[in-house]
Amino acid sequence: MNLSKGYLLALVGIFAVLSLMLVLPFVQYVLGAVLIAYVLSPLQGRLEEHVSSTVSALALVAVAVAGFIAPFIIVVWMVAGDAAALAEDLDPESLRLADLEGELEDAGIEVDLTEQLAEAGQGLGEAVLSQATELFGAITHLLVGLGLSLFLLYYLLKQGGAFLDWIRETTPLPGDVQDDLYGELDEVMQAVLLGHVLIAIVEGVIAGLGLFATGIPNAAFWTFVMVILSLVPLIGAFLVWGPASAYLLLTGEPLLAAGLFVYSAVVVGIADDYLRPVVVDRYADLSPAIIVVGVLGGIYAFGIMGIFFGPVVLGAFAATLSVVDDHYHHLEDR
């Protein structure tokens, strides 16, 4: 390697690090834009046959706001409301603090649990008030991030094809190797989105309908929890609807408990046992280990977007190794 090449590579490394520093504060919003653009890109191609790329991209951004972002915000609002209701239910009477205080007094311990709880609540309120500035900053960051996501989504839809062509031209790999690599990555992406994320949403919603129908408190919150649990194989929504059935039984509703248990075991079980394999088998066959490690590790690495991109990263790594194994020795002759 001569001095000129080394200098150019050093410049590439420096600007790559600086660019990464610019992206990291908004990495979740960037990944969200990439995810939605991937889902909507086939529609962009079809619309461009009838209207300009600008009009089609703007129309799909509106579709994304109405079909993805707005429902997500509504779901988060409902879940937050249910979570707040759960916290409000934990009042001194529901916790039977008086009975607990009596038992402690019998044991020779005098304590005013109600007063202690009130002081703790007051302290929490003061802490929240003192963090008002940080809360304002978080809201500002959220609004800026959402605006950035919509901006990126528009340009990814409008110029995504040109961007992919540029990647193919600048990547130092033969065309057939790039075809195999991008084909493998596309299969992994579809397997994660359709074979696991979509199925998890379907399973969680189906199970959630049972919670709503049987009158389980805070059903929206628990439905959201079941969607997340359904993303992880071998765990699933049973960790919610099982205890929910037991709750109905203990509260004197044996018929509702039996109905919820049978409904969840049969309907949700069918969705998991039959729908998931049918969808996954059409695309890349990802090991449950990749999904479990990808989802859990992805949440820690990328936040909420890690639910989607964690398994994609691990699946893409396995796919890349497969392409390397198929083409590595042949590249020496080119």
Protein backbone atom coordinates (compact mmCIF):
# COMPACT_ATOMS: atom_id res chain seq x y z
CA MET A 1 0.00 0.00 0.00
CA ASN A 2 1.47 3.37 -1.05
CA LEU A 3 1.16 6.64 0.83
CA SER A 4 -1.70 7.98 -1.29
CA LYS A 5 -3.87 4.91 -0.72
CA GLY A 6 -3.12 4.95 2.99
CA TYR A 7 -4.05 8.62 3.18
CA LEU A 8 -7.37 8.01 1.40
CA LEU A 9 -8.21 5.07 3.69
CA ALA A 10 -7.39 7.20 6.75
CA LEU A 11 -9.75 9.91 5.47
CA VAL A 12 -12.48 7.31 4.94
CA GLY A 13 -12.01 6.04 8.50
CA ILE A 14 -12.06 9.54 10.02
CA PHE A 15 -15.20 10.63 8.19
CA ALA A 16 -16.87 7.28 8.91
CA VAL A 17 -16.34 7.80 12.65
CA LEU A 18 -17.58 11.40 12.48
CA SER A 19 -20.64 10.35 10.49
CA LEU A 20 -21.40 7.64 13.03
CA MET A 21 -21.23 10.22 15.82
CA LEU A 22 -23.83 12.29 13.96
CA VAL A 23 -26.18 9.35 13.46
CA LEU A 24 -25.98 7.72 16.90
CA PRO A 25 -28.14 10.30 18.77
CA PHE A 26 -30.99 9.50 16.37
CA VAL A 27 -30.16 5.88 15.55
CA GLN A 28 -33.63 4.56 16.49
CA TYR A 29 -35.35 7.07 14.24
CA VAL A 30 -32.98 6.32 11.37
CA LEU A 31 -33.56 2.58 11.75
CA GLY A 32 -37.31 3.19 11.90
CA ALA A 33 -37.18 5.13 8.63
CA VAL A 34 -35.13 2.35 7.01
CA LEU A 35 -37.59 -0.28 8.22
CA ILE A 36 -40.68 1.53 6.92
CA ALA A 37 -38.93 2.36 3.64
CA TYR A 38 -38.11 -1.32 3.15
CA VAL A 39 -41.76 -2.27 3.69
CA LEU A 40 -43.11 0.45 1.37
CA SER A 41 -40.46 0.28 -1.39
CA PRO A 42 -42.43 -2.22 -3.54
CA LEU A 43 -45.39 0.18 -3.52
CA GLN A 44 -43.06 3.03 -4.47
CA GLY A 45 -41.96 1.12 -7.56
CA ARG A 46 -45.54 0.47 -8.64
CA LEU A 47 -46.67 4.04 -8.04
CA GLU A 48 -43.74 5.44 -10.05
CA GLU A 49 -45.21 3.72 -13.11
CA HIS A 50 -48.16 6.12 -12.95
CA VAL A 51 -46.94 9.28 -11.16
CA SER A 52 -43.63 11.00 -10.47
CA SER A 53 -41.29 9.70 -7.78
CA THR A 54 -41.87 12.86 -5.73
CA VAL A 55 -45.65 12.45 -5.67
CA SER A 56 -45.47 8.72 -4.92
CA ALA A 57 -42.94 9.26 -2.10
CA LEU A 58 -45.08 11.99 -0.52
CA ALA A 59 -48.17 9.79 -0.77
CA LEU A 60 -46.38 6.88 0.91
CA VAL A 61 -45.06 9.13 3.68
CA ALA A 62 -48.68 10.06 4.37
CA VAL A 63 -49.57 6.37 4.33
CA ALA A 64 -46.73 5.68 6.78
CA VAL A 65 -47.99 8.38 9.16
CA ALA A 66 -51.55 7.05 8.99
CA GLY A 67 -50.72 3.35 8.96
CA PHE A 68 -47.56 3.05 11.09
CA ILE A 69 -46.64 6.11 13.14
CA ALA A 70 -50.09 7.28 14.27
CA PRO A 71 -51.25 3.76 15.34
CA PHE A 72 -47.94 3.27 17.17
CA ILE A 73 -48.43 6.53 19.08
CA ILE A 74 -52.04 5.55 19.89
CA VAL A 75 -50.95 2.14 21.16
CA VAL A 76 -48.21 3.71 23.29
CA TRP A 77 -50.76 6.18 24.69
CA MET A 78 -53.17 3.35 25.56
CA VAL A 79 -50.43 1.26 27.12
CA ALA A 80 -49.21 4.25 29.14
CA GLY A 81 -52.77 4.87 30.32
CA ASP A 82 -53.16 1.26 31.42
CA ALA A 83 -49.77 1.36 33.15
CA ALA A 84 -50.83 4.51 35.01
CA ALA A 85 -54.08 2.79 35.98
CA LEU A 86 -52.08 -0.12 37.37
CA ALA A 87 -50.06 2.31 39.47
CA GLU A 88 -53.22 4.05 40.71
CA ASP A 89 -54.69 0.71 41.73
CA LEU A 90 -51.82 0.29 44.19
CA ASP A 91 -53.45 2.53 46.81
CA PRO A 92 -53.13 1.92 50.58
CA GLU A 93 -56.57 0.27 50.81
CA SER A 94 -55.93 -2.17 47.98
CA LEU A 95 -52.59 -3.04 49.54
CA ARG A 96 -54.32 -3.65 52.91
CA LEU A 97 -51.69 -1.61 54.71
CA ALA A 98 -53.78 -1.40 57.88
CA ASP A 99 -53.78 -5.18 58.24
CA LEU A 100 -50.06 -5.28 57.58
CA GLU A 101 -49.43 -2.57 60.18
CA GLY A 102 -51.46 -4.56 62.73
CA GLU A 103 -49.37 -7.67 62.09
CA LEU A 104 -46.18 -5.66 62.50
CA GLU A 105 -47.44 -4.17 65.78
CA ASP A 106 -48.19 -7.66 67.07
CA ALA A 107 -44.58 -8.48 66.32
CA GLY A 108 -43.41 -5.44 68.30
CA ILE A 109 -42.71 -3.18 65.29
CA GLU A 110 -44.50 0.16 65.11
CA VAL A 111 -44.53 1.84 61.70
CA ASP A 112 -46.99 4.06 59.80
CA LEU A 113 -46.89 2.48 56.35
CA THR A 114 -49.48 4.89 54.95
CA GLU A 115 -47.40 7.89 55.97
CA GLN A 116 -44.24 6.28 54.63
CA LEU A 117 -45.97 5.58 51.31
CA ALA A 118 -47.25 9.16 51.12
CA GLU A 119 -43.77 10.53 51.82
CA ALA A 120 -42.34 8.26 49.12
CA GLY A 121 -44.95 9.53 46.68
CA GLN A 122 -44.18 13.12 47.57
CA GLY A 123 -40.49 12.49 47.07
CA LEU A 124 -41.20 10.94 43.70
CA GLY A 125 -43.25 13.97 42.70
CA GLU A 126 -40.45 16.32 43.69
CA ALA A 127 -37.98 14.23 41.70
CA VAL A 128 -40.22 14.39 38.64
CA LEU A 129 -40.56 18.17 39.02
CA SER A 130 -36.80 18.56 39.31
CA GLN A 131 -36.41 16.61 36.06
CA ALA A 132 -38.81 18.87 34.15
CA THR A 133 -35.98 20.31 32.08
CA GLU A 134 -34.80 16.86 31.06
CA LEU A 135 -38.37 15.90 30.24
CA PHE A 136 -38.69 18.94 27.98
CA GLY A 137 -35.42 17.95 26.30
CA ALA A 138 -36.69 14.40 25.79
CA ILE A 139 -39.91 15.66 24.20
CA THR A 140 -37.92 17.99 21.93
CA HIS A 141 -35.63 15.10 20.95
CA LEU A 142 -38.68 12.97 20.18
CA LEU A 143 -40.23 15.62 17.92
CA VAL A 144 -36.95 16.24 16.12
CA GLY A 145 -36.43 12.50 15.72
CA LEU A 146 -39.90 11.98 14.25
CA GLY A 147 -39.32 14.84 11.82
CA LEU A 148 -35.98 13.30 10.84
CA SER A 149 -37.62 9.91 10.31
CA LEU A 150 -40.22 11.38 7.94
CA PHE A 151 -37.55 13.33 6.08
CA LEU A 152 -35.34 10.24 5.66
CA LEU A 153 -38.33 8.11 4.72
CA TYR A 154 -39.23 10.50 1.91
CA TYR A 155 -35.73 10.45 0.40
CA LEU A 156 -35.26 6.72 0.91
CA LEU A 157 -38.45 6.12 -1.06
CA LYS A 158 -37.69 8.71 -3.72
CA GLN A 159 -33.99 7.95 -4.22
CA GLY A 160 -33.67 4.48 -2.70
CA GLY A 161 -33.10 2.82 -6.07
CA ALA A 162 -30.32 5.23 -6.98
CA PHE A 163 -28.74 4.70 -3.55
CA LEU A 164 -28.73 0.92 -4.01
CA ASP A 165 -27.22 1.31 -7.48
CA TRP A 166 -24.47 3.48 -5.97
CA ILE A 167 -23.75 0.80 -3.35
CA ARG A 168 -23.47 -1.86 -6.04
CA GLU A 169 -21.09 0.29 -8.09
CA THR A 170 -18.81 1.20 -5.17
CA THR A 171 -18.75 -2.28 -3.56
CA PRO A 172 -15.60 -4.13 -4.73
CA LEU A 173 -17.38 -7.43 -5.37
CA PRO A 174 -18.41 -9.11 -8.64
CA GLY A 175 -22.04 -8.76 -9.66
CA ASP A 176 -22.98 -12.41 -9.04
CA VAL A 177 -21.54 -12.29 -5.50
CA GLN A 178 -23.49 -9.10 -4.76
CA ASP A 179 -26.64 -10.72 -6.13
CA ASP A 180 -26.23 -13.67 -3.75
CA LEU A 181 -25.37 -11.43 -0.81
CA TYR A 182 -28.27 -9.01 -1.25
CA GLY A 183 -30.63 -11.87 -1.99
CA GLU A 184 -29.67 -13.58 1.28
CA LEU A 185 -30.05 -10.33 3.22
CA ASP A 186 -33.47 -9.71 1.68
CA GLU A 187 -34.63 -13.19 2.69
CA VAL A 188 -33.42 -12.62 6.26
CA MET A 189 -35.25 -9.28 6.44
CA GLN A 190 -38.50 -10.79 5.18
CA ALA A 191 -38.17 -13.80 7.46
CA VAL A 192 -37.83 -11.55 10.51
CA LEU A 193 -40.59 -9.11 9.54
CA LEU A 194 -43.13 -11.60 8.22
CA GLY A 195 -42.16 -14.80 9.97
CA HIS A 196 -41.66 -13.41 13.44
CA VAL A 197 -42.68 -9.78 13.92
CA LEU A 198 -45.96 -10.03 12.00
CA ILE A 199 -46.82 -13.38 13.56
CA ALA A 200 -46.03 -11.99 17.03
CA ILE A 201 -48.38 -9.06 16.43
CA VAL A 202 -51.11 -11.41 15.19
CA GLU A 203 -50.69 -13.74 18.17
CA GLY A 204 -50.61 -10.88 20.68
CA VAL A 205 -53.73 -9.24 19.23
CA ILE A 206 -55.61 -12.55 19.06
CA ALA A 207 -54.75 -13.28 22.69
CA GLY A 208 -55.58 -9.68 23.64
CA LEU A 209 -59.10 -10.05 22.22
CA GLY A 210 -59.61 -12.80 24.77
CA LEU A 211 -58.49 -10.48 27.57
CA PHE A 212 -60.88 -7.75 26.44
CA ALA A 213 -63.76 -10.22 26.05
CA THR A 214 -63.35 -11.65 29.55
CA GLY A 215 -62.94 -8.26 31.23
CA ILE A 216 -59.30 -8.53 32.33
CA PRO A 217 -58.23 -5.16 33.79
CA ASN A 218 -55.77 -3.09 31.75
CA ALA A 219 -56.17 -5.36 28.74
CA ALA A 220 -54.41 -2.96 26.33
CA PHE A 221 -51.25 -2.98 28.44
CA TRP A 222 -51.21 -6.78 28.71
CA THR A 223 -51.88 -7.14 24.97
CA PHE A 224 -48.78 -5.05 24.28
CA VAL A 225 -46.81 -7.26 26.67
CA MET A 226 -48.02 -10.39 24.86
CA VAL A 227 -46.92 -8.98 21.49
CA ILE A 228 -43.42 -8.47 22.88
CA LEU A 229 -43.35 -11.92 24.51
CA SER A 230 -44.56 -13.55 21.29
CA LEU A 231 -41.41 -12.27 19.57
CA VAL A 232 -39.34 -14.60 21.73
CA PRO A 233 -39.72 -18.31 20.87
CA LEU A 234 -40.36 -20.76 23.70
CA ILE A 235 -41.84 -18.00 25.89
CA GLY A 236 -44.84 -16.58 24.09
CA ALA A 237 -48.07 -15.01 25.27
CA PHE A 238 -48.82 -17.82 27.75
CA LEU A 239 -46.95 -15.89 30.43
CA VAL A 240 -49.85 -13.40 30.32
CA TRP A 241 -53.00 -15.30 29.37
CA GLY A 242 -52.13 -18.21 31.70
CA PRO A 243 -52.01 -16.05 34.85
CA ALA A 244 -55.01 -14.09 33.50
CA SER A 245 -57.04 -17.32 33.43
CA ALA A 246 -55.92 -18.07 36.99
CA TYR A 247 -56.92 -14.53 38.01
CA LEU A 248 -60.45 -15.05 36.68
CA LEU A 249 -60.69 -18.36 38.49
CA LEU A 250 -59.55 -16.86 41.80
CA THR A 251 -61.98 -13.94 41.47
CA GLY A 252 -64.99 -16.25 41.16
CA GLU A 253 -65.34 -16.41 37.36
CA PRO A 254 -64.69 -20.08 36.54
CA LEU A 255 -66.60 -20.02 33.23
CA LEU A 256 -64.70 -16.98 31.98
CA ALA A 257 -61.45 -18.53 33.18
CA ALA A 258 -62.14 -21.76 31.30
CA GLY A 259 -63.25 -19.86 28.22
CA LEU A 260 -60.11 -17.69 28.16
CA PHE A 261 -57.86 -20.69 28.71
CA VAL A 262 -59.45 -22.79 25.96
CA TYR A 263 -59.62 -19.86 23.52
CA SER A 264 -55.99 -18.90 24.07
CA ALA A 265 -54.66 -22.45 24.03
CA VAL A 266 -56.51 -23.38 20.84
CA VAL A 267 -56.60 -20.21 18.74
CA VAL A 268 -53.24 -18.73 19.77
CA GLY A 269 -51.68 -22.19 19.72
CA ILE A 270 -52.87 -22.77 16.15
CA ALA A 271 -51.46 -19.41 15.06
CA ASP A 272 -48.06 -20.27 16.56
CA ASP A 273 -47.90 -23.92 15.50
CA TYR A 274 -49.18 -23.56 11.93
CA LEU A 275 -49.05 -19.94 10.78
CA ARG A 276 -45.46 -19.27 11.86
CA PRO A 277 -43.90 -22.31 10.08
CA VAL A 278 -45.90 -21.62 6.91
CA VAL A 279 -44.62 -18.05 6.72
CA VAL A 280 -41.07 -18.74 7.86
CA ASP A 281 -40.57 -21.65 5.47
CA ARG A 282 -41.12 -19.30 2.54
CA TYR A 283 -38.06 -17.30 3.52
CA ALA A 284 -34.83 -17.83 5.42
CA ASP A 285 -34.98 -20.49 8.10
CA LEU A 286 -33.75 -18.65 11.17
CA SER A 287 -32.85 -20.58 14.30
CA PRO A 288 -34.87 -19.74 17.43
CA ALA A 289 -31.53 -18.96 19.07
CA ILE A 290 -30.94 -16.15 16.57
CA ILE A 291 -34.39 -14.72 17.31
CA VAL A 292 -34.02 -14.90 21.11
CA VAL A 293 -30.51 -13.42 21.24
CA GLY A 294 -31.35 -10.92 18.49
CA VAL A 295 -34.50 -9.59 20.17
CA LEU A 296 -33.07 -9.37 23.70
CA GLY A 297 -29.65 -8.09 22.63
CA GLY A 298 -31.17 -5.78 20.04
CA ILE A 299 -33.29 -4.01 22.65
CA TYR A 300 -30.18 -3.26 24.69
CA ALA A 301 -28.17 -2.18 21.62
CA PHE A 302 -30.75 -0.24 19.58
CA GLY A 303 -33.69 0.36 21.92
CA ILE A 304 -37.18 -0.43 20.64
CA MET A 305 -35.91 -0.79 17.06
CA GLY A 306 -33.70 -3.62 18.26
CA ILE A 307 -36.80 -5.84 18.34
CA PHE A 308 -36.69 -5.76 14.54
CA PHE A 309 -33.01 -5.21 13.73
CA GLY A 310 -31.42 -7.45 16.37
CA PRO A 311 -32.46 -10.72 14.64
CA VAL A 312 -31.76 -9.10 11.26
CA VAL A 313 -28.16 -8.34 12.25
CA LEU A 314 -27.49 -11.90 13.45
CA GLY A 315 -29.30 -13.41 10.47
CA ALA A 316 -27.36 -11.14 8.10
CA PHE A 317 -24.11 -12.24 9.71
CA ALA A 318 -24.99 -15.90 9.15
CA ALA A 319 -26.05 -15.14 5.56
CA THR A 320 -22.80 -13.27 4.89
CA LEU A 321 -20.77 -16.22 6.17
CA SER A 322 -22.73 -18.47 3.80
CA VAL A 323 -21.92 -16.20 0.83
CA VAL A 324 -18.26 -16.06 1.87
CA ASP A 325 -18.14 -19.85 2.02
CA ASP A 326 -19.64 -20.10 -1.48
CA HIS A 327 -17.52 -17.47 -3.23
CA TYR A 328 -14.35 -16.80 -1.25
CA HIS A 329 -12.02 -19.14 -3.13
CA HIS A 330 -13.40 -18.11 -6.50
CA LEU A 331 -12.63 -14.45 -5.83
CA GLU A 332 -8.90 -15.13 -5.90
CA ASP A 333 -9.14 -15.84 -9.62
CA ARG A 334 -10.93 -12.57 -10.46
